[in-house]
Amino acid sequence: MSPLKIIIHNVGHGQAVHAFTPDGKVVVIDLGTSTDHSPLEWLAKHTKTIDSLVITHPHGDHIDEMPLVNDLNFKVRQLWRPKWLSESDVYAANQVADHENLGAYFDLSDRYIHPIPDGELVGDPKATGGVTIKRFASRNCGTSNINNHSGVVVFEYLGVRIVIPGDNEPPSWKELLKQPDFVRMVSGAHVFMASHHGRESGYCPELFTALNKGAPRLCVISDARVQDTDARNRYTYHAEGLPISSRCARNEKTRACLTTRSDGHIEIEVGVGQAGKYLSVTSD
């Protein structure tokens, strides 16, 4: 049986996550990039099909590579985005430099208007090699801060849960905690990726009351190397720790929190080996 693999790319100030399910489906969460690494160009060397593209929210650092979806001839089978946000709200929330990427975002969004038939949604275990993928969001917050309309993606495979949000801040976390299915899915999460790149603005104590029904083993922060507003110590406090293998150091240490800015690309693998079910994490 093939494993579930999730790669959290090191893209500095941005977010880019690629997941590969046991049956070969490809899930891409956000399209961040950096000056020395293009996640989509890396992916194009392996496949030209994105089975599910999730844009947690249309801020510039989450859609940097949107034009490359067409330029590299990717076939996107399914798309999730906070489609209830109006173009005026989205453009008002971004800088002029991001307008080209926003144009590509709305061009792609306009193509995906039909509902997905039962049994074909990427994330249904029958369609994704036994992996459950749930997407959650709240529409109840004001649109002056579209971070609070970010989607949260939860993977569940072999009893292991991995939570990957966008830039959610406390108002949206508190709204999501009113959803029983969301609380059920995040409770006992093994890996939690900190929202808003691990900044203080994304930290929500009430969320960890739910997560700590079985504290997360590992928290992951994705951000640039210079960051003086991060909540790394808070996330470290909440996590139990997990053995992490380092490619560069060629060793294994128990860590409670990883950051892409210091630990590089992070690969999570969930599968079944000779000794039974396993969860492994490798950093650069």
C-alpha atoms as a PDB file:
ATOM      1  CA  MET A   1       0.000   0.000   0.000  1.00  0.00           C
ATOM      2  CA  SER A   2       1.443   3.372  -1.011  1.00  0.00           C
ATOM      3  CA  PRO A   3       1.633   6.118   1.648  1.00  0.00           C
ATOM      4  CA  LEU A   4       0.076   9.544   1.828  1.00  0.00           C
ATOM      5  CA  LYS A   5       2.821  12.112   1.247  1.00  0.00           C
ATOM      6  CA  ILE A   6       2.535  15.817   2.030  1.00  0.00           C
ATOM      7  CA  ILE A   7       5.287  18.287   1.143  1.00  0.00           C
ATOM      8  CA  ILE A   8       5.375  21.732   2.739  1.00  0.00           C
ATOM      9  CA  HIS A   9       7.596  23.768   0.442  1.00  0.00           C
ATOM     10  CA  ASN A  10       9.991  26.400   1.719  1.00  0.00           C
ATOM     11  CA  VAL A  11       8.821  29.495  -0.155  1.00  0.00           C
ATOM     12  CA  GLY A  12       9.754  32.222   2.297  1.00  0.00           C
ATOM     13  CA  HIS A  13       6.828  34.592   2.798  1.00  0.00           C
ATOM     14  CA  GLY A  14       4.125  32.465   1.231  1.00  0.00           C
ATOM     15  CA  GLN A  15       2.473  29.065   1.331  1.00  0.00           C
ATOM     16  CA  ALA A  16       2.667  26.052  -0.982  1.00  0.00           C
ATOM     17  CA  VAL A  17       1.704  22.517   0.027  1.00  0.00           C
ATOM     18  CA  HIS A  18       1.556  19.453  -2.246  1.00  0.00           C
ATOM     19  CA  ALA A  19      -0.094  16.178  -1.247  1.00  0.00           C
ATOM     20  CA  PHE A  20       0.112  12.825  -3.033  1.00  0.00           C
ATOM     21  CA  THR A  21      -2.516  10.247  -2.096  1.00  0.00           C
ATOM     22  CA  PRO A  22      -1.958   6.454  -2.103  1.00  0.00           C
ATOM     23  CA  ASP A  23      -3.827   6.094  -5.404  1.00  0.00           C
ATOM     24  CA  GLY A  24      -1.793   8.813  -7.132  1.00  0.00           C
ATOM     25  CA  LYS A  25      -4.075  11.839  -6.770  1.00  0.00           C
ATOM     26  CA  VAL A  26      -2.331  15.221  -6.509  1.00  0.00           C
ATOM     27  CA  VAL A  27      -3.671  17.920  -4.184  1.00  0.00           C
ATOM     28  CA  VAL A  28      -2.138  21.408  -4.274  1.00  0.00           C
ATOM     29  CA  ILE A  29      -2.874  23.870  -1.486  1.00  0.00           C
ATOM     30  CA  ASP A  30      -1.927  27.453  -2.367  1.00  0.00           C
ATOM     31  CA  LEU A  31       0.553  28.727  -4.921  1.00  0.00           C
ATOM     32  CA  GLY A  32       3.297  30.555  -3.067  1.00  0.00           C
ATOM     33  CA  THR A  33       6.800  30.759  -4.523  1.00  0.00           C
ATOM     34  CA  SER A  34      10.217  32.245  -3.800  1.00  0.00           C
ATOM     35  CA  THR A  35      13.073  33.646  -5.866  1.00  0.00           C
ATOM     36  CA  ASP A  36      14.961  30.333  -5.778  1.00  0.00           C
ATOM     37  CA  HIS A  37      12.176  27.733  -5.727  1.00  0.00           C
ATOM     38  CA  SER A  38       9.035  27.274  -7.825  1.00  0.00           C
ATOM     39  CA  PRO A  39       6.796  24.521  -6.431  1.00  0.00           C
ATOM     40  CA  LEU A  40       4.773  24.316  -9.656  1.00  0.00           C
ATOM     41  CA  GLU A  41       7.895  23.964 -11.818  1.00  0.00           C
ATOM     42  CA  TRP A  42       9.021  21.188  -9.465  1.00  0.00           C
ATOM     43  CA  LEU A  43       5.616  19.508  -9.732  1.00  0.00           C
ATOM     44  CA  ALA A  44       5.567  19.804 -13.527  1.00  0.00           C
ATOM     45  CA  LYS A  45       8.599  17.483 -13.665  1.00  0.00           C
ATOM     46  CA  HIS A  46       6.418  14.751 -12.122  1.00  0.00           C
ATOM     47  CA  THR A  47       2.901  15.375 -13.466  1.00  0.00           C
ATOM     48  CA  LYS A  48       0.774  17.858 -15.393  1.00  0.00           C
ATOM     49  CA  THR A  49      -2.439  16.965 -13.552  1.00  0.00           C
ATOM     50  CA  ILE A  50      -3.645  18.661 -10.364  1.00  0.00           C
ATOM     51  CA  ASP A  51      -6.589  16.615  -9.161  1.00  0.00           C
ATOM     52  CA  SER A  52      -7.597  19.192  -6.567  1.00  0.00           C
ATOM     53  CA  LEU A  53      -6.367  22.772  -6.306  1.00  0.00           C
ATOM     54  CA  VAL A  54      -7.226  24.572  -3.076  1.00  0.00           C
ATOM     55  CA  ILE A  55      -6.687  28.317  -2.820  1.00  0.00           C
ATOM     56  CA  THR A  56      -7.258  28.976   0.868  1.00  0.00           C
ATOM     57  CA  HIS A  57      -7.809  32.672   0.107  1.00  0.00           C
ATOM     58  CA  PRO A  58      -6.704  35.030  -2.695  1.00  0.00           C
ATOM     59  CA  HIS A  59      -3.923  37.048  -1.104  1.00  0.00           C
ATOM     60  CA  GLY A  60      -0.831  37.627  -3.232  1.00  0.00           C
ATOM     61  CA  ASP A  61       1.489  35.335  -1.286  1.00  0.00           C
ATOM     62  CA  HIS A  62      -0.944  32.434  -1.759  1.00  0.00           C
ATOM     63  CA  ILE A  63      -1.493  32.872  -5.521  1.00  0.00           C
ATOM     64  CA  ASP A  64       1.965  33.954  -6.733  1.00  0.00           C
ATOM     65  CA  GLU A  65       2.161  31.104  -9.241  1.00  0.00           C
ATOM     66  CA  MET A  66      -1.395  31.309 -10.539  1.00  0.00           C
ATOM     67  CA  PRO A  67      -0.355  32.278 -14.123  1.00  0.00           C
ATOM     68  CA  LEU A  68       1.967  29.229 -14.207  1.00  0.00           C
ATOM     69  CA  VAL A  69      -1.037  26.907 -13.972  1.00  0.00           C
ATOM     70  CA  ASN A  70      -1.776  27.816 -17.599  1.00  0.00           C
ATOM     71  CA  ASP A  71       1.802  28.491 -18.686  1.00  0.00           C
ATOM     72  CA  LEU A  72       2.888  24.989 -17.621  1.00  0.00           C
ATOM     73  CA  ASN A  73      -0.257  23.401 -19.117  1.00  0.00           C
ATOM     74  CA  PHE A  74      -1.572  21.908 -15.907  1.00  0.00           C
ATOM     75  CA  LYS A  75      -4.947  20.201 -16.013  1.00  0.00           C
ATOM     76  CA  VAL A  76      -6.894  21.157 -12.891  1.00  0.00           C
ATOM     77  CA  ARG A  77      -9.678  18.654 -12.267  1.00  0.00           C
ATOM     78  CA  GLN A  78     -11.271  20.288  -9.223  1.00  0.00           C
ATOM     79  CA  LEU A  79     -10.981  23.706  -7.593  1.00  0.00           C
ATOM     80  CA  TRP A  80     -11.863  24.965  -4.121  1.00  0.00           C
ATOM     81  CA  ARG A  81     -11.647  28.652  -3.222  1.00  0.00           C
ATOM     82  CA  PRO A  82     -13.752  31.089  -1.135  1.00  0.00           C
ATOM     83  CA  LYS A  83     -15.886  31.858  -4.165  1.00  0.00           C
ATOM     84  CA  TRP A  84     -18.338  33.947  -2.132  1.00  0.00           C
ATOM     85  CA  LEU A  85     -15.779  36.784  -1.942  1.00  0.00           C
ATOM     86  CA  SER A  86     -16.530  39.425  -4.562  1.00  0.00           C
ATOM     87  CA  GLU A  87     -13.914  40.696  -7.003  1.00  0.00           C
ATOM     88  CA  SER A  88     -14.084  44.163  -5.422  1.00  0.00           C
ATOM     89  CA  ASP A  89     -13.421  42.712  -1.951  1.00  0.00           C
ATOM     90  CA  VAL A  90     -10.475  40.679  -3.220  1.00  0.00           C
ATOM     91  CA  TYR A  91      -8.870  43.473  -5.241  1.00  0.00           C
ATOM     92  CA  ALA A  92      -9.262  45.853  -2.292  1.00  0.00           C
ATOM     93  CA  ALA A  93      -7.385  43.376  -0.090  1.00  0.00           C
ATOM     94  CA  ASN A  94      -4.351  43.163  -2.392  1.00  0.00           C
ATOM     95  CA  GLN A  95      -1.592  45.375  -3.731  1.00  0.00           C
ATOM     96  CA  VAL A  96      -1.535  46.620  -7.325  1.00  0.00           C
ATOM     97  CA  ALA A  97       1.471  44.362  -7.968  1.00  0.00           C
ATOM     98  CA  ASP A  98      -0.784  41.346  -7.394  1.00  0.00           C
ATOM     99  CA  HIS A  99      -3.466  42.325  -9.918  1.00  0.00           C
ATOM    100  CA  GLU A 100      -2.079  40.171 -12.745  1.00  0.00           C
ATOM    101  CA  ASN A 101      -2.193  37.116 -10.497  1.00  0.00           C
ATOM    102  CA  LEU A 102      -5.697  38.032  -9.369  1.00  0.00           C
ATOM    103  CA  GLY A 103      -6.821  38.205 -12.992  1.00  0.00           C
ATOM    104  CA  ALA A 104      -5.547  34.660 -13.525  1.00  0.00           C
ATOM    105  CA  TYR A 105      -7.246  33.593 -10.280  1.00  0.00           C
ATOM    106  CA  PHE A 106     -10.663  34.866 -11.359  1.00  0.00           C
ATOM    107  CA  ASP A 107     -10.213  33.490 -14.889  1.00  0.00           C
ATOM    108  CA  LEU A 108      -9.643  30.031 -13.420  1.00  0.00           C
ATOM    109  CA  SER A 109     -12.394  30.412 -10.840  1.00  0.00           C
ATOM    110  CA  ASP A 110     -14.971  31.258 -13.510  1.00  0.00           C
ATOM    111  CA  ARG A 111     -14.386  27.889 -15.211  1.00  0.00           C
ATOM    112  CA  TYR A 112     -15.437  25.881 -12.161  1.00  0.00           C
ATOM    113  CA  ILE A 113     -19.139  26.532 -11.643  1.00  0.00           C
ATOM    114  CA  HIS A 114     -20.665  23.048 -11.802  1.00  0.00           C
ATOM    115  CA  PRO A 115     -21.113  20.850  -8.715  1.00  0.00           C
ATOM    116  CA  ILE A 116     -18.970  17.717  -8.442  1.00  0.00           C
ATOM    117  CA  PRO A 117     -20.965  14.456  -8.729  1.00  0.00           C
ATOM    118  CA  ASP A 118     -21.171  12.147  -5.725  1.00  0.00           C
ATOM    119  CA  GLY A 119     -18.232   9.791  -5.483  1.00  0.00           C
ATOM    120  CA  GLU A 120     -15.942  11.968  -7.632  1.00  0.00           C
ATOM    121  CA  LEU A 121     -14.884  14.603  -5.113  1.00  0.00           C
ATOM    122  CA  VAL A 122     -11.165  14.422  -4.346  1.00  0.00           C
ATOM    123  CA  GLY A 123     -11.234  13.873  -0.609  1.00  0.00           C
ATOM    124  CA  ASP A 124     -13.909  11.211  -0.596  1.00  0.00           C
ATOM    125  CA  PRO A 125     -12.007   8.104   0.605  1.00  0.00           C
ATOM    126  CA  LYS A 126     -13.407   6.078  -2.305  1.00  0.00           C
ATOM    127  CA  ALA A 127     -11.943   8.583  -4.769  1.00  0.00           C
ATOM    128  CA  THR A 128      -8.684   9.295  -2.945  1.00  0.00           C
ATOM    129  CA  GLY A 129      -7.146   5.960  -2.016  1.00  0.00           C
ATOM    130  CA  GLY A 130      -8.696   5.818   1.449  1.00  0.00           C
ATOM    131  CA  VAL A 131      -7.712   9.370   2.373  1.00  0.00           C
ATOM    132  CA  THR A 132     -10.426  11.679   3.706  1.00  0.00           C
ATOM    133  CA  ILE A 133      -9.889  15.352   2.873  1.00  0.00           C
ATOM    134  CA  LYS A 134     -12.262  17.913   4.377  1.00  0.00           C
ATOM    135  CA  ARG A 135     -12.348  21.626   3.601  1.00  0.00           C
ATOM    136  CA  PHE A 136     -13.834  24.108   6.070  1.00  0.00           C
ATOM    137  CA  ALA A 137     -14.416  27.852   5.987  1.00  0.00           C
ATOM    138  CA  SER A 138     -16.632  30.491   7.565  1.00  0.00           C
ATOM    139  CA  ARG A 139     -18.519  33.166   5.650  1.00  0.00           C
ATOM    140  CA  ASN A 140     -19.669  35.013   8.764  1.00  0.00           C
ATOM    141  CA  CYS A 141     -16.729  37.386   9.230  1.00  0.00           C
ATOM    142  CA  GLY A 142     -16.506  40.788   7.564  1.00  0.00           C
ATOM    143  CA  THR A 143     -14.758  41.078   4.211  1.00  0.00           C
ATOM    144  CA  SER A 144     -12.441  43.900   5.264  1.00  0.00           C
ATOM    145  CA  ASN A 145      -9.975  41.155   6.297  1.00  0.00           C
ATOM    146  CA  ILE A 146     -10.172  38.244   3.856  1.00  0.00           C
ATOM    147  CA  ASN A 147      -7.777  36.233   6.029  1.00  0.00           C
ATOM    148  CA  ASN A 148     -10.894  35.324   7.991  1.00  0.00           C
ATOM    149  CA  HIS A 149     -12.414  33.716   4.893  1.00  0.00           C
ATOM    150  CA  SER A 150      -9.500  31.306   4.546  1.00  0.00           C
ATOM    151  CA  GLY A 151     -10.176  27.651   4.015  1.00  0.00           C
ATOM    152  CA  VAL A 152      -8.821  24.992   6.367  1.00  0.00           C
ATOM    153  CA  VAL A 153      -7.907  21.610   4.858  1.00  0.00           C
ATOM    154  CA  VAL A 154      -7.824  18.491   7.044  1.00  0.00           C
ATOM    155  CA  PHE A 155      -6.338  15.193   5.850  1.00  0.00           C
ATOM    156  CA  GLU A 156      -7.222  11.960   7.635  1.00  0.00           C
ATOM    157  CA  TYR A 157      -5.528   8.669   6.778  1.00  0.00           C
ATOM    158  CA  LEU A 158      -4.991   5.563   8.900  1.00  0.00           C
ATOM    159  CA  GLY A 159      -6.191   7.514  11.926  1.00  0.00           C
ATOM    160  CA  VAL A 160      -3.655  10.321  11.414  1.00  0.00           C
ATOM    161  CA  ARG A 161      -4.988  13.860  10.976  1.00  0.00           C
ATOM    162  CA  ILE A 162      -3.056  16.754   9.437  1.00  0.00           C
ATOM    163  CA  VAL A 163      -4.505  20.293   9.558  1.00  0.00           C
ATOM    164  CA  ILE A 164      -3.463  22.898   6.962  1.00  0.00           C
ATOM    165  CA  PRO A 165      -5.160  26.317   7.209  1.00  0.00           C
ATOM    166  CA  GLY A 166      -4.693  29.531   5.305  1.00  0.00           C
ATOM    167  CA  ASP A 167      -4.259  32.841   7.133  1.00  0.00           C
ATOM    168  CA  ASN A 168      -7.161  32.341   9.563  1.00  0.00           C
ATOM    169  CA  GLU A 169      -7.232  34.727  12.506  1.00  0.00           C
ATOM    170  CA  PRO A 170      -9.200  34.369  15.790  1.00  0.00           C
ATOM    171  CA  PRO A 171     -12.562  35.619  14.421  1.00  0.00           C
ATOM    172  CA  SER A 172     -12.689  32.862  11.785  1.00  0.00           C
ATOM    173  CA  TRP A 173     -11.297  30.200  14.153  1.00  0.00           C
ATOM    174  CA  LYS A 174     -14.056  31.005  16.644  1.00  0.00           C
ATOM    175  CA  GLU A 175     -16.696  30.738  13.911  1.00  0.00           C
ATOM    176  CA  LEU A 176     -15.257  27.422  12.731  1.00  0.00           C
ATOM    177  CA  LEU A 177     -15.352  26.075  16.280  1.00  0.00           C
ATOM    178  CA  LYS A 178     -19.137  26.388  16.098  1.00  0.00           C
ATOM    179  CA  GLN A 179     -19.144  23.688  13.387  1.00  0.00           C
ATOM    180  CA  PRO A 180     -19.324  20.209  15.012  1.00  0.00           C
ATOM    181  CA  ASP A 181     -17.752  18.462  12.005  1.00  0.00           C
ATOM    182  CA  PHE A 182     -14.801  20.857  12.078  1.00  0.00           C
ATOM    183  CA  VAL A 183     -14.241  20.261  15.794  1.00  0.00           C
ATOM    184  CA  ARG A 184     -14.409  16.509  15.263  1.00  0.00           C
ATOM    185  CA  MET A 185     -11.853  16.607  12.448  1.00  0.00           C
ATOM    186  CA  VAL A 186      -9.279  18.816  14.198  1.00  0.00           C
ATOM    187  CA  SER A 187      -9.556  17.150  17.608  1.00  0.00           C
ATOM    188  CA  GLY A 188      -6.491  15.035  18.190  1.00  0.00           C
ATOM    189  CA  ALA A 189      -4.680  16.338  15.099  1.00  0.00           C
ATOM    190  CA  HIS A 190      -1.199  14.859  14.776  1.00  0.00           C
ATOM    191  CA  VAL A 191       0.288  17.697  12.685  1.00  0.00           C
ATOM    192  CA  PHE A 192      -0.974  21.268  12.783  1.00  0.00           C
ATOM    193  CA  MET A 193       0.292  23.900  10.380  1.00  0.00           C
ATOM    194  CA  ALA A 194       0.106  27.309  12.050  1.00  0.00           C
ATOM    195  CA  SER A 195      -2.187  29.813  10.351  1.00  0.00           C
ATOM    196  CA  HIS A 196      -0.992  33.147   8.955  1.00  0.00           C
ATOM    197  CA  HIS A 197       2.486  31.644   8.670  1.00  0.00           C
ATOM    198  CA  GLY A 198       2.779  31.257  12.438  1.00  0.00           C
ATOM    199  CA  ARG A 199       2.296  34.920  13.314  1.00  0.00           C
ATOM    200  CA  GLU A 200       0.691  36.079  16.546  1.00  0.00           C
ATOM    201  CA  SER A 201      -2.283  37.330  14.505  1.00  0.00           C
ATOM    202  CA  GLY A 202      -3.185  33.748  13.590  1.00  0.00           C
ATOM    203  CA  TYR A 203      -2.923  32.273  17.081  1.00  0.00           C
ATOM    204  CA  CYS A 204      -6.210  31.356  18.786  1.00  0.00           C
ATOM    205  CA  PRO A 205      -6.172  29.815  22.307  1.00  0.00           C
ATOM    206  CA  GLU A 206      -9.720  28.512  21.917  1.00  0.00           C
ATOM    207  CA  LEU A 207      -8.630  26.424  18.933  1.00  0.00           C
ATOM    208  CA  PHE A 208      -6.067  24.595  21.029  1.00  0.00           C
ATOM    209  CA  THR A 209      -8.728  23.699  23.562  1.00  0.00           C
ATOM    210  CA  ALA A 210     -10.166  21.563  20.740  1.00  0.00           C
ATOM    211  CA  LEU A 211      -6.793  20.423  19.403  1.00  0.00           C
ATOM    212  CA  ASN A 212      -5.575  19.482  22.872  1.00  0.00           C
ATOM    213  CA  LYS A 213      -8.108  16.698  23.160  1.00  0.00           C
ATOM    214  CA  GLY A 214      -5.007  14.755  22.256  1.00  0.00           C
ATOM    215  CA  ALA A 215      -2.395  17.508  21.765  1.00  0.00           C
ATOM    216  CA  PRO A 216      -0.827  17.810  18.287  1.00  0.00           C
ATOM    217  CA  ARG A 217       2.446  15.948  17.993  1.00  0.00           C
ATOM    218  CA  LEU A 218       3.960  18.612  15.747  1.00  0.00           C
ATOM    219  CA  CYS A 219       3.319  22.218  14.726  1.00  0.00           C
ATOM    220  CA  VAL A 220       4.728  23.654  11.492  1.00  0.00           C
ATOM    221  CA  ILE A 221       5.366  27.311  10.719  1.00  0.00           C
ATOM    222  CA  SER A 222       5.824  28.560   7.158  1.00  0.00           C
ATOM    223  CA  ASP A 223       7.363  32.010   6.794  1.00  0.00           C
ATOM    224  CA  ALA A 224      10.355  34.061   5.730  1.00  0.00           C
ATOM    225  CA  ARG A 225      13.588  33.976   7.694  1.00  0.00           C
ATOM    226  CA  VAL A 226      13.121  37.482   9.093  1.00  0.00           C
ATOM    227  CA  GLN A 227       9.992  37.498  11.233  1.00  0.00           C
ATOM    228  CA  ASP A 228       9.660  39.343  14.522  1.00  0.00           C
ATOM    229  CA  THR A 229       5.957  38.701  15.122  1.00  0.00           C
ATOM    230  CA  ASP A 230       5.893  34.909  15.172  1.00  0.00           C
ATOM    231  CA  ALA A 231       4.158  32.787  17.814  1.00  0.00           C
ATOM    232  CA  ARG A 232       6.612  29.883  17.569  1.00  0.00           C
ATOM    233  CA  ASN A 233       6.924  29.596  21.346  1.00  0.00           C
ATOM    234  CA  ARG A 234       3.157  29.326  21.724  1.00  0.00           C
ATOM    235  CA  TYR A 235       2.935  26.516  19.170  1.00  0.00           C
ATOM    236  CA  THR A 236       5.921  24.737  20.697  1.00  0.00           C
ATOM    237  CA  TYR A 237       4.165  24.845  24.065  1.00  0.00           C
ATOM    238  CA  HIS A 238       1.056  23.119  22.702  1.00  0.00           C
ATOM    239  CA  ALA A 239       2.785  20.267  20.830  1.00  0.00           C
ATOM    240  CA  GLU A 240       3.924  16.959  22.314  1.00  0.00           C
ATOM    241  CA  GLY A 241       6.856  16.449  19.956  1.00  0.00           C
ATOM    242  CA  LEU A 242       7.653  13.993  17.181  1.00  0.00           C
ATOM    243  CA  PRO A 243      10.905  12.389  15.960  1.00  0.00           C
ATOM    244  CA  ILE A 244      12.126  14.408  12.975  1.00  0.00           C
ATOM    245  CA  SER A 245      14.699  13.132  10.496  1.00  0.00           C
ATOM    246  CA  SER A 246      17.073  15.762   9.079  1.00  0.00           C
ATOM    247  CA  ARG A 247      18.538  15.213   5.598  1.00  0.00           C
ATOM    248  CA  CYS A 248      21.417  17.634   6.168  1.00  0.00           C
ATOM    249  CA  ALA A 249      22.355  16.641   9.709  1.00  0.00           C
ATOM    250  CA  ARG A 250      21.591  12.981   8.983  1.00  0.00           C
ATOM    251  CA  ASN A 251      20.144  12.506  12.420  1.00  0.00           C
ATOM    252  CA  GLU A 252      16.798  12.262  14.201  1.00  0.00           C
ATOM    253  CA  LYS A 253      15.633  14.508  17.025  1.00  0.00           C
ATOM    254  CA  THR A 254      12.308  14.956  18.780  1.00  0.00           C
ATOM    255  CA  ARG A 255      10.883  18.349  17.881  1.00  0.00           C
ATOM    256  CA  ALA A 256       7.634  20.098  18.832  1.00  0.00           C
ATOM    257  CA  CYS A 257       7.775  22.789  16.136  1.00  0.00           C
ATOM    258  CA  LEU A 258       9.399  23.092  12.707  1.00  0.00           C
ATOM    259  CA  THR A 259       9.762  26.238  10.613  1.00  0.00           C
ATOM    260  CA  THR A 260      10.395  26.208   6.879  1.00  0.00           C
ATOM    261  CA  ARG A 261      12.604  29.278   7.341  1.00  0.00           C
ATOM    262  CA  SER A 262      15.122  27.249   9.370  1.00  0.00           C
ATOM    263  CA  ASP A 263      14.233  23.619   8.574  1.00  0.00           C
ATOM    264  CA  GLY A 264      13.602  23.966   4.816  1.00  0.00           C
ATOM    265  CA  HIS A 265      11.199  21.737   2.928  1.00  0.00           C
ATOM    266  CA  ILE A 266       9.209  19.451   5.207  1.00  0.00           C
ATOM    267  CA  GLU A 267       7.877  16.060   4.077  1.00  0.00           C
ATOM    268  CA  ILE A 268       5.186  14.194   5.994  1.00  0.00           C
ATOM    269  CA  GLU A 269       4.438  10.550   5.231  1.00  0.00           C
ATOM    270  CA  VAL A 270       1.665   8.344   6.581  1.00  0.00           C
ATOM    271  CA  GLY A 271       1.569   4.672   5.642  1.00  0.00           C
ATOM    272  CA  VAL A 272       1.886   1.044   6.661  1.00  0.00           C
ATOM    273  CA  GLY A 273       5.270  -0.653   6.957  1.00  0.00           C
ATOM    274  CA  GLN A 274       6.563  -3.935   8.296  1.00  0.00           C
ATOM    275  CA  ALA A 275       6.097  -2.691  11.856  1.00  0.00           C
ATOM    276  CA  GLY A 276       2.569  -1.414  11.182  1.00  0.00           C
ATOM    277  CA  LYS A 277       1.138   2.078  10.753  1.00  0.00           C
ATOM    278  CA  TYR A 278       3.637   4.934  10.788  1.00  0.00           C
ATOM    279  CA  LEU A 279       3.860   8.732  10.672  1.00  0.00           C
ATOM    280  CA  SER A 280       7.241  10.081   9.627  1.00  0.00           C
ATOM    281  CA  VAL A 281       8.446  13.648   9.135  1.00  0.00           C
ATOM    282  CA  THR A 282      11.629  14.683   7.331  1.00  0.00           C
ATOM    283  CA  SER A 283      13.128  18.159   7.063  1.00  0.00           C
ATOM    284  CA  ASP A 284      16.062  19.542   5.100  1.00  0.00           C
END
